[in-house]
């Protein structure tokens, strides 16, 4: 049933690409470092304790 449904779905709804050229753009290492990093704001108080705000 699953295979017949997928085949029928693909026959009904598949459309050809309007542009045959790939739109893939490779990432640079700097992009990956920015995407996979967490930036948080921290404050150092006068008594040298650190506060992290969410």
PDB file of N, CA and C in Angstrom:
ATOM      1  N   UNK A   1       0.827  -1.198   0.000  1.00  0.00           N
ATOM      2  CA  UNK A   1       0.000   0.000   0.000  1.00  0.00           C
ATOM      3  C   UNK A   1       0.874   1.266   0.000  1.00  0.00           C
ATOM      4  N   UNK A   2       1.926   1.263   0.842  1.00  0.00           N
ATOM      5  CA  UNK A   2       2.784   2.438   0.938  1.00  0.00           C
ATOM      6  C   UNK A   2       3.422   2.750  -0.413  1.00  0.00           C
ATOM      7  N   UNK A   3       3.963   1.731  -1.087  1.00  0.00           N
ATOM      8  CA  UNK A   3       4.622   1.947  -2.377  1.00  0.00           C
ATOM      9  C   UNK A   3       3.643   2.426  -3.430  1.00  0.00           C
ATOM     10  N   UNK A   4       2.435   1.865  -3.445  1.00  0.00           N
ATOM     11  CA  UNK A   4       1.458   2.300  -4.455  1.00  0.00           C
ATOM     12  C   UNK A   4       1.006   3.734  -4.177  1.00  0.00           C
ATOM     13  N   UNK A   5       0.871   4.098  -2.904  1.00  0.00           N
ATOM     14  CA  UNK A   5       0.470   5.467  -2.570  1.00  0.00           C
ATOM     15  C   UNK A   5       1.547   6.462  -2.999  1.00  0.00           C
ATOM     16  N   UNK A   6       2.798   6.147  -2.696  1.00  0.00           N
ATOM     17  CA  UNK A   6       3.894   7.057  -3.048  1.00  0.00           C
ATOM     18  C   UNK A   6       3.994   7.204  -4.561  1.00  0.00           C
ATOM     19  N   UNK A   7       3.870   6.091  -5.275  1.00  0.00           N
ATOM     20  CA  UNK A   7       3.923   6.154  -6.731  1.00  0.00           C
ATOM     21  C   UNK A   7       2.793   6.995  -7.307  1.00  0.00           C
ATOM     22  N   UNK A   8       1.576   6.797  -6.818  1.00  0.00           N
ATOM     23  CA  UNK A   8       0.424   7.577  -7.290  1.00  0.00           C
ATOM     24  C   UNK A   8       0.592   9.057  -6.933  1.00  0.00           C
ATOM     25  N   UNK A   9       1.051   9.339  -5.731  1.00  0.00           N
ATOM     26  CA  UNK A   9       1.283  10.716  -5.301  1.00  0.00           C
ATOM     27  C   UNK A   9       2.294  11.393  -6.224  1.00  0.00           C
ATOM     28  N   UNK A  10       3.397  10.706  -6.493  1.00  0.00           N
ATOM     29  CA  UNK A  10       4.438  11.273  -7.359  1.00  0.00           C
ATOM     30  C   UNK A  10       3.923  11.513  -8.773  1.00  0.00           C
ATOM     31  N   UNK A  11       3.117  10.601  -9.313  1.00  0.00           N
ATOM     32  CA  UNK A  11       2.563  10.797 -10.654  1.00  0.00           C
ATOM     33  C   UNK A  11       1.648  12.016 -10.703  1.00  0.00           C
ATOM     34  N   UNK A  12       0.902  12.253  -9.642  1.00  0.00           N
ATOM     35  CA  UNK A  12      -0.057  13.364  -9.630  1.00  0.00           C
ATOM     36  C   UNK A  12       0.597  14.718  -9.384  1.00  0.00           C
ATOM     37  N   UNK A  13       1.597  14.767  -8.523  1.00  0.00           N
ATOM     38  CA  UNK A  13       2.084  16.062  -8.042  1.00  0.00           C
ATOM     39  C   UNK A  13       3.509  16.427  -8.462  1.00  0.00           C
ATOM     40  N   UNK A  14       4.223  15.558  -9.143  1.00  0.00           N
ATOM     41  CA  UNK A  14       5.586  15.876  -9.565  1.00  0.00           C
ATOM     42  C   UNK A  14       5.566  16.886 -10.701  1.00  0.00           C
ATOM     43  N   UNK A  15       6.409  17.906 -10.590  1.00  0.00           N
ATOM     44  CA  UNK A  15       6.570  18.888 -11.669  1.00  0.00           C
ATOM     45  C   UNK A  15       8.057  18.992 -11.991  1.00  0.00           C
ATOM     46  N   UNK A  16       8.342  19.298 -13.223  1.00  0.00           N
ATOM     47  CA  UNK A  16       9.736  19.465 -13.641  1.00  0.00           C
ATOM     48  C   UNK A  16      10.264  20.815 -13.162  1.00  0.00           C
ATOM     49  N   UNK A  17      11.550  20.861 -12.914  1.00  0.00           N
ATOM     50  CA  UNK A  17      12.181  22.114 -12.495  1.00  0.00           C
ATOM     51  C   UNK A  17      12.147  23.117 -13.641  1.00  0.00           C
ATOM     52  N   UNK A  18      11.892  24.372 -13.311  1.00  0.00           N
ATOM     53  CA  UNK A  18      11.863  25.406 -14.351  1.00  0.00           C
ATOM     54  C   UNK A  18      13.274  25.783 -14.798  1.00  0.00           C
ATOM     55  N   UNK A  19      14.249  25.597 -13.917  1.00  0.00           N
ATOM     56  CA  UNK A  19      15.656  25.868 -14.239  1.00  0.00           C
ATOM     57  C   UNK A  19      16.441  24.599 -13.914  1.00  0.00           C
ATOM     58  N   UNK A  20      17.212  24.126 -14.865  1.00  0.00           N
ATOM     59  CA  UNK A  20      17.939  22.867 -14.688  1.00  0.00           C
ATOM     60  C   UNK A  20      19.259  23.032 -13.933  1.00  0.00           C
ATOM     61  N   UNK A  21      19.734  24.256 -13.743  1.00  0.00           N
ATOM     62  CA  UNK A  21      21.011  24.512 -13.077  1.00  0.00           C
ATOM     63  C   UNK A  21      20.822  24.408 -11.564  1.00  0.00           C
ATOM     64  N   UNK A  22      21.782  23.825 -10.884  1.00  0.00           N
ATOM     65  CA  UNK A  22      21.726  23.683  -9.435  1.00  0.00           C
ATOM     66  C   UNK A  22      21.832  25.047  -8.753  1.00  0.00           C
ATOM     67  N   UNK A  23      21.057  25.243  -7.687  1.00  0.00           N
ATOM     68  CA  UNK A  23      21.101  26.488  -6.919  1.00  0.00           C
ATOM     69  C   UNK A  23      21.979  26.340  -5.675  1.00  0.00           C
ATOM     70  N   UNK A  24      22.684  25.226  -5.557  1.00  0.00           N
ATOM     71  CA  UNK A  24      23.526  24.964  -4.397  1.00  0.00           C
ATOM     72  C   UNK A  24      24.668  25.966  -4.324  1.00  0.00           C
ATOM     73  N   UNK A  25      24.868  26.536  -3.123  1.00  0.00           N
ATOM     74  CA  UNK A  25      25.981  27.453  -2.873  1.00  0.00           C
ATOM     75  C   UNK A  25      26.745  26.899  -1.673  1.00  0.00           C
ATOM     76  N   UNK A  26      28.007  26.534  -1.839  1.00  0.00           N
ATOM     77  CA  UNK A  26      28.746  25.966  -0.719  1.00  0.00           C
ATOM     78  C   UNK A  26      28.999  27.007   0.376  1.00  0.00           C
ATOM     79  N   UNK A  27      29.010  26.527   1.624  1.00  0.00           N
ATOM     80  CA  UNK A  27      29.288  27.404   2.764  1.00  0.00           C
ATOM     81  C   UNK A  27      30.790  27.479   2.994  1.00  0.00           C
ATOM     82  N   UNK A  28      31.224  28.616   3.496  1.00  0.00           N
ATOM     83  CA  UNK A  28      32.620  28.741   3.908  1.00  0.00           C
ATOM     84  C   UNK A  28      32.728  28.356   5.375  1.00  0.00           C
ATOM     85  N   UNK A  29      33.925  28.158   5.838  1.00  0.00           N
ATOM     86  CA  UNK A  29      34.143  27.790   7.238  1.00  0.00           C
ATOM     87  C   UNK A  29      33.627  28.887   8.173  1.00  0.00           C
ATOM     88  N   UNK A  30      33.784  30.159   7.795  1.00  0.00           N
ATOM     89  CA  UNK A  30      33.303  31.267   8.624  1.00  0.00           C
ATOM     90  C   UNK A  30      31.792  31.216   8.768  1.00  0.00           C
ATOM     91  N   UNK A  31      31.086  30.880   7.694  1.00  0.00           N
ATOM     92  CA  UNK A  31      29.630  30.761   7.769  1.00  0.00           C
ATOM     93  C   UNK A  31      29.229  29.670   8.749  1.00  0.00           C
ATOM     94  N   UNK A  32      29.891  28.521   8.691  1.00  0.00           N
ATOM     95  CA  UNK A  32      29.559  27.415   9.582  1.00  0.00           C
ATOM     96  C   UNK A  32      29.846  27.770  11.030  1.00  0.00           C
ATOM     97  N   UNK A  33      30.961  28.454  11.290  1.00  0.00           N
ATOM     98  CA  UNK A  33      31.278  28.870  12.655  1.00  0.00           C
ATOM     99  C   UNK A  33      30.210  29.813  13.197  1.00  0.00           C
ATOM    100  N   UNK A  34      29.681  30.680  12.362  1.00  0.00           N
ATOM    101  CA  UNK A  34      28.641  31.619  12.791  1.00  0.00           C
ATOM    102  C   UNK A  34      27.312  30.896  13.013  1.00  0.00           C
ATOM    103  N   UNK A  35      26.968  29.984  12.134  1.00  0.00           N
ATOM    104  CA  UNK A  35      25.686  29.284  12.226  1.00  0.00           C
ATOM    105  C   UNK A  35      25.642  28.365  13.441  1.00  0.00           C
ATOM    106  N   UNK A  36      26.737  27.663  13.713  1.00  0.00           N
ATOM    107  CA  UNK A  36      26.748  26.677  14.782  1.00  0.00           C
ATOM    108  C   UNK A  36      27.358  27.203  16.074  1.00  0.00           C
ATOM    109  N   UNK A  37      27.203  28.482  16.348  1.00  0.00           N
ATOM    110  CA  UNK A  37      27.697  29.051  17.597  1.00  0.00           C
ATOM    111  C   UNK A  37      26.540  29.682  18.360  1.00  0.00           C
ATOM    112  N   UNK A  38      26.706  29.768  19.653  1.00  0.00           N
ATOM    113  CA  UNK A  38      25.698  30.378  20.518  1.00  0.00           C
ATOM    114  C   UNK A  38      26.287  31.671  21.068  1.00  0.00           C
ATOM    115  N   UNK A  39      25.587  32.762  20.851  1.00  0.00           N
ATOM    116  CA  UNK A  39      26.041  34.063  21.327  1.00  0.00           C
ATOM    117  C   UNK A  39      25.170  34.471  22.508  1.00  0.00           C
ATOM    118  N   UNK A  40      25.788  34.746  23.630  1.00  0.00           N
ATOM    119  CA  UNK A  40      25.054  35.195  24.810  1.00  0.00           C
ATOM    120  C   UNK A  40      25.700  36.465  25.344  1.00  0.00           C
ATOM    121  N   UNK A  41      24.882  37.278  25.970  1.00  0.00           N
ATOM    122  CA  UNK A  41      25.393  38.505  26.577  1.00  0.00           C
ATOM    123  C   UNK A  41      25.666  38.230  28.047  1.00  0.00           C
ATOM    124  N   UNK A  42      26.860  38.594  28.489  1.00  0.00           N
ATOM    125  CA  UNK A  42      27.237  38.402  29.885  1.00  0.00           C
ATOM    126  C   UNK A  42      27.722  39.721  30.462  1.00  0.00           C
ATOM    127  N   UNK A  43      27.447  39.901  31.729  1.00  0.00           N
ATOM    128  CA  UNK A  43      27.856  41.119  32.421  1.00  0.00           C
ATOM    129  C   UNK A  43      28.721  40.739  33.617  1.00  0.00           C
ATOM    130  N   UNK A  44      29.847  41.424  33.765  1.00  0.00           N
ATOM    131  CA  UNK A  44      30.713  41.207  34.924  1.00  0.00           C
ATOM    132  C   UNK A  44      30.425  42.322  35.919  1.00  0.00           C
ATOM    133  N   UNK A  45      29.995  41.920  37.105  1.00  0.00           N
ATOM    134  CA  UNK A  45      29.697  42.894  38.155  1.00  0.00           C
ATOM    135  C   UNK A  45      30.974  43.379  38.827  1.00  0.00           C
ATOM    136  N   UNK A  46      30.830  44.365  39.662  1.00  0.00           N
ATOM    137  CA  UNK A  46      31.994  44.933  40.360  1.00  0.00           C
ATOM    138  C   UNK A  46      32.668  43.927  41.282  1.00  0.00           C
ATOM    139  N   UNK A  47      31.904  42.935  41.751  1.00  0.00           N
ATOM    140  CA  UNK A  47      32.506  41.919  42.623  1.00  0.00           C
ATOM    141  C   UNK A  47      33.012  40.707  41.820  1.00  0.00           C
ATOM    142  N   UNK A  48      33.165  40.900  40.497  1.00  0.00           N
ATOM    143  CA  UNK A  48      33.689  39.889  39.573  1.00  0.00           C
ATOM    144  C   UNK A  48      32.790  38.668  39.393  1.00  0.00           C
ATOM    145  N   UNK A  49      31.515  38.792  39.739  1.00  0.00           N
ATOM    146  CA  UNK A  49      30.568  37.733  39.405  1.00  0.00           C
ATOM    147  C   UNK A  49      30.018  37.997  38.006  1.00  0.00           C
ATOM    148  N   UNK A  50      29.681  36.927  37.324  1.00  0.00           N
ATOM    149  CA  UNK A  50      29.211  37.036  35.943  1.00  0.00           C
ATOM    150  C   UNK A  50      27.728  36.698  35.885  1.00  0.00           C
ATOM    151  N   UNK A  51      26.981  37.534  35.183  1.00  0.00           N
ATOM    152  CA  UNK A  51      25.550  37.315  35.000  1.00  0.00           C
ATOM    153  C   UNK A  51      25.304  37.026  33.523  1.00  0.00           C
ATOM    154  N   UNK A  52      24.613  35.927  33.266  1.00  0.00           N
ATOM    155  CA  UNK A  52      24.224  35.583  31.900  1.00  0.00           C
ATOM    156  C   UNK A  52      22.734  35.822  31.768  1.00  0.00           C
ATOM    157  N   UNK A  53      22.372  36.633  30.811  1.00  0.00           N
ATOM    158  CA  UNK A  53      20.952  36.921  30.587  1.00  0.00           C
ATOM    159  C   UNK A  53      20.461  36.085  29.428  1.00  0.00           C
ATOM    160  N   UNK A  54      19.234  35.550  29.555  1.00  0.00           N
ATOM    161  CA  UNK A  54      18.642  34.746  28.479  1.00  0.00           C
ATOM    162  C   UNK A  54      17.683  35.560  27.672  1.00  0.00           C
TER     163      UNK A  54
END
